[in-house]
Amino acid sequence: MFLLKPILIILGTLSLFAGIAGIFIPGLPTTPFLLLTAGLYIRSSQSLYERLISDRFIGSYISSYRTSRGMTMKTKLYAVTLMSLMIAGSCTFLIDPLESRLIVVSLGIIGAIVMILFVPTVKHKSINKNQE
């Protein structure tokens, strides 16, 4: 059992790298890997989990997803737009054969459909009315 925590930390770190790579590599999902990282870290290292959720780029996204159990439409549109731009850039500058371009674009369309239809949409976080 003493080996379980280090294994979870290693898997969480690999998942974190995959999630960060997904920001830049079309077709590689970001959200599932970051959520997996959070789940693995919370079970193995409270300090790594706290560092993850306190990160200014990734942390608020994970915390928001975990508390609201979904994404706002604005966040979904931002993610789909960024993914589309990355796919367009990759297909224009990095990917040469037409068949490869079609595969990447097809995967991007599938990813956008999954993001929009299957990831739960939540309303914007409202400000606590007691503080107004």
C-alpha atoms as a PDB file:
ATOM      1  CA  MET A   1       0.000   0.000   0.000  1.00  0.00           C
ATOM      2  CA  PHE A   2       2.905   2.385   0.587  1.00  0.00           C
ATOM      3  CA  LEU A   3       3.599   2.304  -3.180  1.00  0.00           C
ATOM      4  CA  LEU A   4       0.078   3.421  -4.104  1.00  0.00           C
ATOM      5  CA  LYS A   5       0.613   7.124  -3.401  1.00  0.00           C
ATOM      6  CA  PRO A   6       3.796   7.455  -5.487  1.00  0.00           C
ATOM      7  CA  ILE A   7       2.123   5.587  -8.341  1.00  0.00           C
ATOM      8  CA  LEU A   8      -0.885   7.920  -8.193  1.00  0.00           C
ATOM      9  CA  ILE A   9       1.443  10.938  -8.151  1.00  0.00           C
ATOM     10  CA  ILE A  10       3.325   9.660 -11.206  1.00  0.00           C
ATOM     11  CA  LEU A  11       0.079   8.924 -13.068  1.00  0.00           C
ATOM     12  CA  GLY A  12      -1.282  12.342 -12.089  1.00  0.00           C
ATOM     13  CA  THR A  13       1.835  14.075 -13.345  1.00  0.00           C
ATOM     14  CA  LEU A  14       1.704  12.163 -16.648  1.00  0.00           C
ATOM     15  CA  SER A  15      -1.959  13.115 -16.944  1.00  0.00           C
ATOM     16  CA  LEU A  16      -1.079  16.750 -16.265  1.00  0.00           C
ATOM     17  CA  PHE A  17       1.533  16.712 -19.048  1.00  0.00           C
ATOM     18  CA  ALA A  18      -0.989  15.126 -21.419  1.00  0.00           C
ATOM     19  CA  GLY A  19      -3.575  17.770 -20.499  1.00  0.00           C
ATOM     20  CA  ILE A  20      -1.138  20.606 -21.077  1.00  0.00           C
ATOM     21  CA  ALA A  21      -0.052  19.029 -24.374  1.00  0.00           C
ATOM     22  CA  GLY A  22      -3.740  18.870 -25.339  1.00  0.00           C
ATOM     23  CA  ILE A  23      -3.843  22.653 -25.293  1.00  0.00           C
ATOM     24  CA  PHE A  24      -1.402  22.700 -28.196  1.00  0.00           C
ATOM     25  CA  ILE A  25      -2.018  19.406 -30.017  1.00  0.00           C
ATOM     26  CA  PRO A  26      -5.259  19.196 -31.982  1.00  0.00           C
ATOM     27  CA  GLY A  27      -7.290  16.083 -31.222  1.00  0.00           C
ATOM     28  CA  LEU A  28      -5.707  15.486 -27.799  1.00  0.00           C
ATOM     29  CA  PRO A  29      -8.283  16.304 -25.128  1.00  0.00           C
ATOM     30  CA  THR A  30      -7.372  18.696 -22.335  1.00  0.00           C
ATOM     31  CA  THR A  31     -10.316  18.619 -19.915  1.00  0.00           C
ATOM     32  CA  PRO A  32     -10.405  14.877 -19.146  1.00  0.00           C
ATOM     33  CA  PHE A  33      -6.670  14.774 -18.451  1.00  0.00           C
ATOM     34  CA  LEU A  34      -6.773  17.791 -16.126  1.00  0.00           C
ATOM     35  CA  LEU A  35      -9.747  16.376 -14.232  1.00  0.00           C
ATOM     36  CA  LEU A  36      -7.970  13.023 -13.980  1.00  0.00           C
ATOM     37  CA  THR A  37      -4.900  14.825 -12.633  1.00  0.00           C
ATOM     38  CA  ALA A  38      -6.990  16.526  -9.965  1.00  0.00           C
ATOM     39  CA  GLY A  39      -8.585  13.206  -8.991  1.00  0.00           C
ATOM     40  CA  LEU A  40      -5.247  11.412  -8.753  1.00  0.00           C
ATOM     41  CA  TYR A  41      -3.587  14.217  -6.813  1.00  0.00           C
ATOM     42  CA  ILE A  42      -6.425  14.559  -4.307  1.00  0.00           C
ATOM     43  CA  ARG A  43      -6.066  10.835  -3.519  1.00  0.00           C
ATOM     44  CA  SER A  44      -2.283  10.925  -3.230  1.00  0.00           C
ATOM     45  CA  SER A  45      -0.938  14.361  -2.301  1.00  0.00           C
ATOM     46  CA  GLN A  46      -2.925  17.200  -0.801  1.00  0.00           C
ATOM     47  CA  SER A  47      -0.045  19.612  -1.469  1.00  0.00           C
ATOM     48  CA  LEU A  48       0.103  18.750  -5.196  1.00  0.00           C
ATOM     49  CA  TYR A  49      -3.670  19.037  -5.439  1.00  0.00           C
ATOM     50  CA  GLU A  50      -3.596  22.454  -3.781  1.00  0.00           C
ATOM     51  CA  ARG A  51      -0.801  23.604  -6.104  1.00  0.00           C
ATOM     52  CA  LEU A  52      -2.823  22.397  -9.081  1.00  0.00           C
ATOM     53  CA  ILE A  53      -6.045  24.143  -8.142  1.00  0.00           C
ATOM     54  CA  SER A  54      -4.200  27.311  -7.103  1.00  0.00           C
ATOM     55  CA  ASP A  55      -2.531  27.620 -10.515  1.00  0.00           C
ATOM     56  CA  ARG A  56      -3.817  30.781 -12.179  1.00  0.00           C
ATOM     57  CA  PHE A  57      -4.466  29.108 -15.537  1.00  0.00           C
ATOM     58  CA  ILE A  58      -5.606  25.594 -14.702  1.00  0.00           C
ATOM     59  CA  GLY A  59      -6.816  25.903 -11.114  1.00  0.00           C
ATOM     60  CA  SER A  60      -9.883  28.053 -11.547  1.00  0.00           C
ATOM     61  CA  TYR A  61     -11.005  25.923 -14.480  1.00  0.00           C
ATOM     62  CA  ILE A  62     -10.769  22.683 -12.473  1.00  0.00           C
ATOM     63  CA  SER A  63     -12.377  24.173  -9.362  1.00  0.00           C
ATOM     64  CA  SER A  64     -15.214  25.624 -11.393  1.00  0.00           C
ATOM     65  CA  TYR A  65     -15.830  22.332 -13.172  1.00  0.00           C
ATOM     66  CA  ARG A  66     -15.770  20.354  -9.923  1.00  0.00           C
ATOM     67  CA  THR A  67     -18.125  22.674  -8.032  1.00  0.00           C
ATOM     68  CA  SER A  68     -20.611  23.261 -10.835  1.00  0.00           C
ATOM     69  CA  ARG A  69     -20.340  19.816 -12.467  1.00  0.00           C
ATOM     70  CA  GLY A  70     -20.058  21.362 -15.915  1.00  0.00           C
ATOM     71  CA  MET A  71     -18.875  24.278 -18.003  1.00  0.00           C
ATOM     72  CA  THR A  72     -20.474  27.590 -18.862  1.00  0.00           C
ATOM     73  CA  MET A  73     -21.435  28.141 -22.485  1.00  0.00           C
ATOM     74  CA  LYS A  74     -18.822  30.902 -22.643  1.00  0.00           C
ATOM     75  CA  THR A  75     -16.103  28.459 -21.555  1.00  0.00           C
ATOM     76  CA  LYS A  76     -17.306  25.855 -24.037  1.00  0.00           C
ATOM     77  CA  LEU A  77     -17.289  28.362 -26.888  1.00  0.00           C
ATOM     78  CA  TYR A  78     -13.826  29.567 -25.874  1.00  0.00           C
ATOM     79  CA  ALA A  79     -12.532  25.975 -25.818  1.00  0.00           C
ATOM     80  CA  VAL A  80     -14.092  25.084 -29.183  1.00  0.00           C
ATOM     81  CA  THR A  81     -12.789  28.306 -30.743  1.00  0.00           C
ATOM     82  CA  LEU A  82      -9.268  27.749 -29.428  1.00  0.00           C
ATOM     83  CA  MET A  83      -9.358  24.129 -30.577  1.00  0.00           C
ATOM     84  CA  SER A  84     -10.551  25.231 -34.047  1.00  0.00           C
ATOM     85  CA  LEU A  85      -7.769  27.801 -34.320  1.00  0.00           C
ATOM     86  CA  MET A  86      -5.159  25.228 -33.329  1.00  0.00           C
ATOM     87  CA  ILE A  87      -6.524  22.734 -35.852  1.00  0.00           C
ATOM     88  CA  ALA A  88      -6.605  25.364 -38.603  1.00  0.00           C
ATOM     89  CA  GLY A  89      -3.037  26.417 -37.830  1.00  0.00           C
ATOM     90  CA  SER A  90      -1.803  22.839 -37.715  1.00  0.00           C
ATOM     91  CA  CYS A  91      -3.513  21.926 -40.973  1.00  0.00           C
ATOM     92  CA  THR A  92      -2.207  25.062 -42.665  1.00  0.00           C
ATOM     93  CA  PHE A  93       1.402  25.028 -41.481  1.00  0.00           C
ATOM     94  CA  LEU A  94       2.288  21.587 -40.125  1.00  0.00           C
ATOM     95  CA  ILE A  95       0.221  18.877 -41.776  1.00  0.00           C
ATOM     96  CA  ASP A  96       0.836  18.199 -45.444  1.00  0.00           C
ATOM     97  CA  PRO A  97      -1.050  15.185 -46.818  1.00  0.00           C
ATOM     98  CA  LEU A  98      -4.716  15.905 -47.487  1.00  0.00           C
ATOM     99  CA  GLU A  99      -5.737  12.637 -45.835  1.00  0.00           C
ATOM    100  CA  SER A 100      -4.027  13.653 -42.601  1.00  0.00           C
ATOM    101  CA  ARG A 101      -5.709  17.043 -42.686  1.00  0.00           C
ATOM    102  CA  LEU A 102      -9.110  15.398 -43.122  1.00  0.00           C
ATOM    103  CA  ILE A 103      -8.460  13.109 -40.150  1.00  0.00           C
ATOM    104  CA  VAL A 104      -7.412  16.014 -37.906  1.00  0.00           C
ATOM    105  CA  VAL A 105     -10.395  18.144 -38.972  1.00  0.00           C
ATOM    106  CA  SER A 106     -12.760  15.183 -38.452  1.00  0.00           C
ATOM    107  CA  LEU A 107     -11.387  14.584 -34.952  1.00  0.00           C
ATOM    108  CA  GLY A 108     -11.769  18.298 -34.219  1.00  0.00           C
ATOM    109  CA  ILE A 109     -15.404  18.234 -35.317  1.00  0.00           C
ATOM    110  CA  ILE A 110     -16.053  15.176 -33.145  1.00  0.00           C
ATOM    111  CA  GLY A 111     -14.331  16.906 -30.205  1.00  0.00           C
ATOM    112  CA  ALA A 112     -16.444  20.031 -30.671  1.00  0.00           C
ATOM    113  CA  ILE A 113     -19.642  17.989 -30.833  1.00  0.00           C
ATOM    114  CA  VAL A 114     -18.716  16.086 -27.675  1.00  0.00           C
ATOM    115  CA  MET A 115     -17.807  19.315 -25.868  1.00  0.00           C
ATOM    116  CA  ILE A 116     -21.030  21.073 -26.806  1.00  0.00           C
ATOM    117  CA  LEU A 117     -23.485  18.179 -26.476  1.00  0.00           C
ATOM    118  CA  PHE A 118     -22.085  15.917 -23.769  1.00  0.00           C
ATOM    119  CA  VAL A 119     -20.231  18.145 -21.309  1.00  0.00           C
ATOM    120  CA  PRO A 120     -22.913  19.585 -19.024  1.00  0.00           C
ATOM    121  CA  THR A 121     -23.668  23.273 -19.526  1.00  0.00           C
ATOM    122  CA  VAL A 122     -24.134  25.339 -16.382  1.00  0.00           C
ATOM    123  CA  LYS A 123     -25.180  28.929 -15.903  1.00  0.00           C
ATOM    124  CA  HIS A 124     -22.634  31.589 -15.005  1.00  0.00           C
ATOM    125  CA  LYS A 125     -21.558  31.547 -11.395  1.00  0.00           C
ATOM    126  CA  SER A 126     -23.704  34.070  -9.650  1.00  0.00           C
ATOM    127  CA  ILE A 127     -22.348  36.458  -7.043  1.00  0.00           C
ATOM    128  CA  ASN A 128     -23.485  35.657  -3.529  1.00  0.00           C
ATOM    129  CA  LYS A 129     -26.552  37.853  -3.047  1.00  0.00           C
ATOM    130  CA  ASN A 130     -25.701  38.341   0.634  1.00  0.00           C
ATOM    131  CA  GLN A 131     -22.561  40.229  -0.409  1.00  0.00           C
ATOM    132  CA  GLU A 132     -24.400  42.745  -2.649  1.00  0.00           C
END
